[in-house]
N, C-alpha and C. Protein backbone atom coordinates (compact mmCIF):
# COMPACT_ATOMS: atom_id res chain seq x y z
N MET A 1 0.84 -1.17 0.00
CA MET A 1 0.00 0.00 0.00
C MET A 1 0.89 1.24 0.00
N SER A 2 0.64 2.16 -0.89
CA SER A 2 1.42 3.39 -0.92
C SER A 2 0.63 4.50 -0.23
N HIS A 3 1.34 5.29 0.52
CA HIS A 3 0.71 6.36 1.26
C HIS A 3 0.80 7.66 0.47
N ILE A 4 -0.22 8.43 0.55
CA ILE A 4 -0.23 9.74 -0.09
C ILE A 4 0.22 10.76 0.94
N VAL A 5 1.27 11.46 0.61
CA VAL A 5 1.83 12.44 1.53
C VAL A 5 1.73 13.80 0.86
N THR A 6 1.23 14.77 1.58
CA THR A 6 1.13 16.12 1.02
C THR A 6 2.46 16.84 1.17
N VAL A 7 2.72 17.69 0.26
CA VAL A 7 3.91 18.52 0.31
C VAL A 7 3.55 19.78 1.09
N GLN A 8 4.37 20.16 2.03
CA GLN A 8 4.06 21.28 2.91
C GLN A 8 3.85 22.58 2.12
N ASP A 9 4.68 22.82 1.08
CA ASP A 9 4.53 24.05 0.31
C ASP A 9 3.18 24.11 -0.39
N ALA A 10 2.72 22.97 -0.90
CA ALA A 10 1.43 22.95 -1.58
C ALA A 10 0.29 23.21 -0.61
N VAL A 11 0.43 22.75 0.60
CA VAL A 11 -0.62 22.95 1.59
C VAL A 11 -0.65 24.40 2.06
N THR A 12 0.51 24.98 2.31
CA THR A 12 0.55 26.35 2.83
C THR A 12 0.48 27.40 1.73
N ALA A 13 0.50 26.98 0.47
CA ALA A 13 0.45 27.96 -0.62
C ALA A 13 -0.87 28.73 -0.62
N PHE A 14 -1.90 28.16 -0.05
CA PHE A 14 -3.20 28.80 -0.06
C PHE A 14 -3.62 29.25 1.34
N ALA A 15 -2.67 29.38 2.22
CA ALA A 15 -2.97 29.82 3.58
C ALA A 15 -3.37 31.29 3.57
N ASP A 16 -4.08 31.70 4.61
CA ASP A 16 -4.57 33.08 4.69
C ASP A 16 -3.46 34.11 4.67
N PHE A 17 -2.32 33.79 5.28
CA PHE A 17 -1.25 34.77 5.35
C PHE A 17 -0.54 34.94 4.00
N MET A 18 -0.88 34.15 3.01
CA MET A 18 -0.25 34.24 1.70
C MET A 18 -1.05 35.12 0.73
N GLU A 19 -2.11 35.74 1.21
CA GLU A 19 -2.94 36.59 0.36
C GLU A 19 -2.15 37.83 -0.05
N PRO A 20 -2.47 38.39 -1.22
CA PRO A 20 -1.78 39.61 -1.64
C PRO A 20 -2.11 40.78 -0.71
N THR A 21 -1.16 41.64 -0.55
CA THR A 21 -1.37 42.81 0.29
C THR A 21 -2.18 43.86 -0.47
N ALA A 22 -2.61 44.88 0.22
CA ALA A 22 -3.36 45.96 -0.43
C ALA A 22 -2.50 46.67 -1.47
N ALA A 23 -1.22 46.83 -1.18
CA ALA A 23 -0.32 47.48 -2.14
C ALA A 23 -0.17 46.64 -3.40
N GLU A 24 -0.09 45.32 -3.24
CA GLU A 24 0.02 44.45 -4.41
C GLU A 24 -1.26 44.47 -5.24
N LEU A 25 -2.40 44.49 -4.58
CA LEU A 25 -3.67 44.58 -5.30
C LEU A 25 -3.81 45.91 -6.03
N ASP A 26 -3.33 47.00 -5.42
CA ASP A 26 -3.34 48.30 -6.08
C ASP A 26 -2.45 48.30 -7.31
N ALA A 27 -1.29 47.65 -7.20
CA ALA A 27 -0.38 47.57 -8.35
C ALA A 27 -1.00 46.77 -9.48
N ILE A 28 -1.69 45.69 -9.15
CA ILE A 28 -2.37 44.90 -10.18
C ILE A 28 -3.47 45.72 -10.82
N GLU A 29 -4.22 46.46 -10.02
CA GLU A 29 -5.29 47.30 -10.56
C GLU A 29 -4.74 48.38 -11.47
N LEU A 30 -3.58 48.92 -11.12
CA LEU A 30 -2.95 49.94 -11.95
C LEU A 30 -2.49 49.37 -13.29
N GLU A 31 -2.03 48.12 -13.29
CA GLU A 31 -1.54 47.48 -14.50
C GLU A 31 -2.64 46.82 -15.31
N MET A 32 -3.87 46.78 -14.81
CA MET A 32 -4.94 46.06 -15.49
C MET A 32 -5.20 46.54 -16.92
N PRO A 33 -5.18 47.83 -17.25
CA PRO A 33 -5.38 48.22 -18.66
C PRO A 33 -4.32 47.62 -19.58
N ALA A 34 -3.06 47.57 -19.13
CA ALA A 34 -2.01 46.97 -19.95
C ALA A 34 -2.22 45.47 -20.08
N ILE A 35 -2.65 44.83 -19.02
CA ILE A 35 -2.91 43.38 -19.05
C ILE A 35 -4.04 43.08 -20.03
N LEU A 36 -5.12 43.84 -19.95
CA LEU A 36 -6.25 43.61 -20.84
C LEU A 36 -5.89 43.90 -22.29
N ALA A 37 -5.06 44.90 -22.53
CA ALA A 37 -4.61 45.19 -23.89
C ALA A 37 -3.77 44.03 -24.43
N ASP A 38 -2.92 43.46 -23.59
CA ASP A 38 -2.13 42.30 -24.00
C ASP A 38 -3.04 41.11 -24.33
N VAL A 39 -4.08 40.92 -23.55
CA VAL A 39 -5.03 39.83 -23.82
C VAL A 39 -5.73 40.05 -25.15
N ASP A 40 -6.13 41.28 -25.43
CA ASP A 40 -6.78 41.59 -26.71
C ASP A 40 -5.84 41.32 -27.88
N LEU A 41 -4.57 41.68 -27.72
CA LEU A 41 -3.59 41.41 -28.78
C LEU A 41 -3.42 39.91 -28.98
N LEU A 42 -3.33 39.17 -27.91
CA LEU A 42 -3.21 37.72 -28.03
C LEU A 42 -4.44 37.11 -28.70
N ASP A 43 -5.61 37.61 -28.35
CA ASP A 43 -6.84 37.11 -28.99
C ASP A 43 -6.81 37.37 -30.49
N ALA A 44 -6.39 38.56 -30.88
CA ALA A 44 -6.32 38.90 -32.30
C ALA A 44 -5.29 38.02 -33.02
N GLN A 45 -4.19 37.72 -32.36
CA GLN A 45 -3.17 36.87 -32.98
C GLN A 45 -3.62 35.41 -33.04
N ILE A 46 -4.30 34.94 -32.01
CA ILE A 46 -4.77 33.56 -31.99
C ILE A 46 -5.79 33.30 -33.10
N ILE A 47 -6.61 34.30 -33.39
CA ILE A 47 -7.61 34.15 -34.45
C ILE A 47 -6.94 33.82 -35.78
N THR A 48 -5.77 34.36 -36.02
CA THR A 48 -5.11 34.19 -37.32
C THR A 48 -4.17 32.98 -37.36
N LEU A 49 -4.10 32.19 -36.31
CA LEU A 49 -3.16 31.07 -36.30
C LEU A 49 -3.52 29.98 -37.31
N ASP A 50 -4.79 29.68 -37.46
CA ASP A 50 -5.16 28.55 -38.30
C ASP A 50 -5.69 28.95 -39.67
N ARG A 51 -5.51 30.20 -40.04
CA ARG A 51 -5.94 30.65 -41.35
C ARG A 51 -5.06 31.79 -41.83
N THR A 52 -5.19 32.10 -43.08
CA THR A 52 -4.45 33.24 -43.64
C THR A 52 -5.12 34.52 -43.14
N ALA A 53 -4.30 35.44 -42.69
CA ALA A 53 -4.82 36.68 -42.14
C ALA A 53 -5.42 37.54 -43.26
N THR A 54 -6.62 38.03 -43.03
CA THR A 54 -7.26 38.93 -43.97
C THR A 54 -6.87 40.37 -43.61
N GLU A 55 -7.31 41.30 -44.43
CA GLU A 55 -7.03 42.70 -44.15
C GLU A 55 -7.69 43.13 -42.84
N LEU A 56 -8.87 42.62 -42.57
CA LEU A 56 -9.55 42.92 -41.31
C LEU A 56 -8.75 42.38 -40.12
N ASP A 57 -8.20 41.17 -40.26
CA ASP A 57 -7.37 40.61 -39.19
C ASP A 57 -6.12 41.46 -38.96
N ALA A 58 -5.51 41.90 -40.05
CA ALA A 58 -4.31 42.73 -39.93
C ALA A 58 -4.63 44.04 -39.23
N ARG A 59 -5.78 44.65 -39.56
CA ARG A 59 -6.18 45.89 -38.88
C ARG A 59 -6.46 45.66 -37.41
N ARG A 60 -7.11 44.53 -37.10
CA ARG A 60 -7.41 44.20 -35.71
C ARG A 60 -6.11 44.03 -34.91
N ILE A 61 -5.11 43.39 -35.49
CA ILE A 61 -3.83 43.20 -34.81
C ILE A 61 -3.12 44.54 -34.65
N ARG A 62 -3.13 45.37 -35.68
CA ARG A 62 -2.49 46.70 -35.57
C ARG A 62 -3.15 47.54 -34.47
N ARG A 63 -4.49 47.53 -34.45
CA ARG A 63 -5.20 48.29 -33.40
C ARG A 63 -4.87 47.76 -32.01
N ALA A 64 -4.80 46.45 -31.89
CA ALA A 64 -4.47 45.85 -30.59
C ALA A 64 -3.05 46.20 -30.18
N ARG A 65 -2.12 46.20 -31.13
CA ARG A 65 -0.74 46.59 -30.81
C ARG A 65 -0.66 48.04 -30.36
N ARG A 66 -1.42 48.91 -31.03
CA ARG A 66 -1.44 50.32 -30.62
C ARG A 66 -2.02 50.48 -29.22
N ARG A 67 -3.06 49.71 -28.90
CA ARG A 67 -3.62 49.77 -27.54
C ARG A 67 -2.63 49.28 -26.50
N VAL A 68 -1.87 48.23 -26.84
CA VAL A 68 -0.84 47.72 -25.91
C VAL A 68 0.21 48.80 -25.67
N LEU A 69 0.69 49.41 -26.75
CA LEU A 69 1.71 50.45 -26.61
C LEU A 69 1.18 51.65 -25.82
N ALA A 70 -0.06 52.03 -26.08
CA ALA A 70 -0.63 53.17 -25.35
C ALA A 70 -0.80 52.84 -23.87
N ALA A 71 -1.23 51.64 -23.57
CA ALA A 71 -1.40 51.25 -22.16
C ALA A 71 -0.06 51.17 -21.45
N ARG A 72 0.94 50.63 -22.13
CA ARG A 72 2.27 50.55 -21.51
C ARG A 72 2.89 51.94 -21.34
N ARG A 73 2.64 52.82 -22.31
CA ARG A 73 3.15 54.19 -22.19
C ARG A 73 2.50 54.89 -21.01
N ALA A 74 1.19 54.73 -20.87
CA ALA A 74 0.48 55.36 -19.75
C ALA A 74 0.99 54.80 -18.42
N LEU A 75 1.26 53.51 -18.38
CA LEU A 75 1.78 52.90 -17.16
C LEU A 75 3.18 53.42 -16.85
N ALA A 76 4.02 53.54 -17.87
CA ALA A 76 5.38 54.05 -17.66
C ALA A 76 5.35 55.51 -17.23
N ASN A 77 4.46 56.31 -17.85
CA ASN A 77 4.35 57.71 -17.46
C ASN A 77 3.86 57.85 -16.03
N HIS A 78 2.93 57.00 -15.63
CA HIS A 78 2.43 57.04 -14.26
C HIS A 78 3.54 56.67 -13.28
N ALA A 79 4.32 55.67 -13.65
CA ALA A 79 5.44 55.27 -12.77
C ALA A 79 6.48 56.38 -12.67
N ALA A 80 6.73 57.07 -13.79
CA ALA A 80 7.69 58.16 -13.77
C ALA A 80 7.17 59.33 -12.93
N ASP A 81 5.88 59.62 -13.06
CA ASP A 81 5.30 60.70 -12.26
C ASP A 81 5.32 60.37 -10.79
N THR A 82 5.04 59.13 -10.46
CA THR A 82 5.07 58.71 -9.06
C THR A 82 6.48 58.78 -8.50
N HIS A 83 7.44 58.36 -9.31
CA HIS A 83 8.84 58.39 -8.87
C HIS A 83 9.33 59.82 -8.66
N ARG A 84 8.86 60.73 -9.52
CA ARG A 84 9.25 62.13 -9.43
C ARG A 84 8.53 62.87 -8.32
N GLY A 85 7.45 62.31 -7.87
CA GLY A 85 6.68 62.98 -6.83
C GLY A 85 5.35 63.49 -7.33
N GLY A 86 5.12 63.41 -8.63
CA GLY A 86 3.84 63.79 -9.20
C GLY A 86 3.66 65.28 -9.44
N ALA A 87 4.56 66.11 -9.00
CA ALA A 87 4.42 67.55 -9.22
C ALA A 87 5.29 67.97 -10.39
N ALA A 88 4.76 68.88 -11.19
CA ALA A 88 5.53 69.35 -12.34
C ALA A 88 6.16 70.69 -12.05
């Protein structure tokens, strides 16, 4: 008979003290537009994997890339403003 033994890390990985902090949740919330833009870009790219890309697909990918760049730029600008103190 073989015994099933749990691994301590797997058991404690979901313990209450392992929850994200408020600062980590705020950081995730701040990055959410960039994350969603990346997901949209991946969706547009996945659509074209099994077929030849049409002009509409190419436009959808270009628009998604522009949204990713805009979201990342906004995130970088926000980080720079925060680092500088936010005052101009």
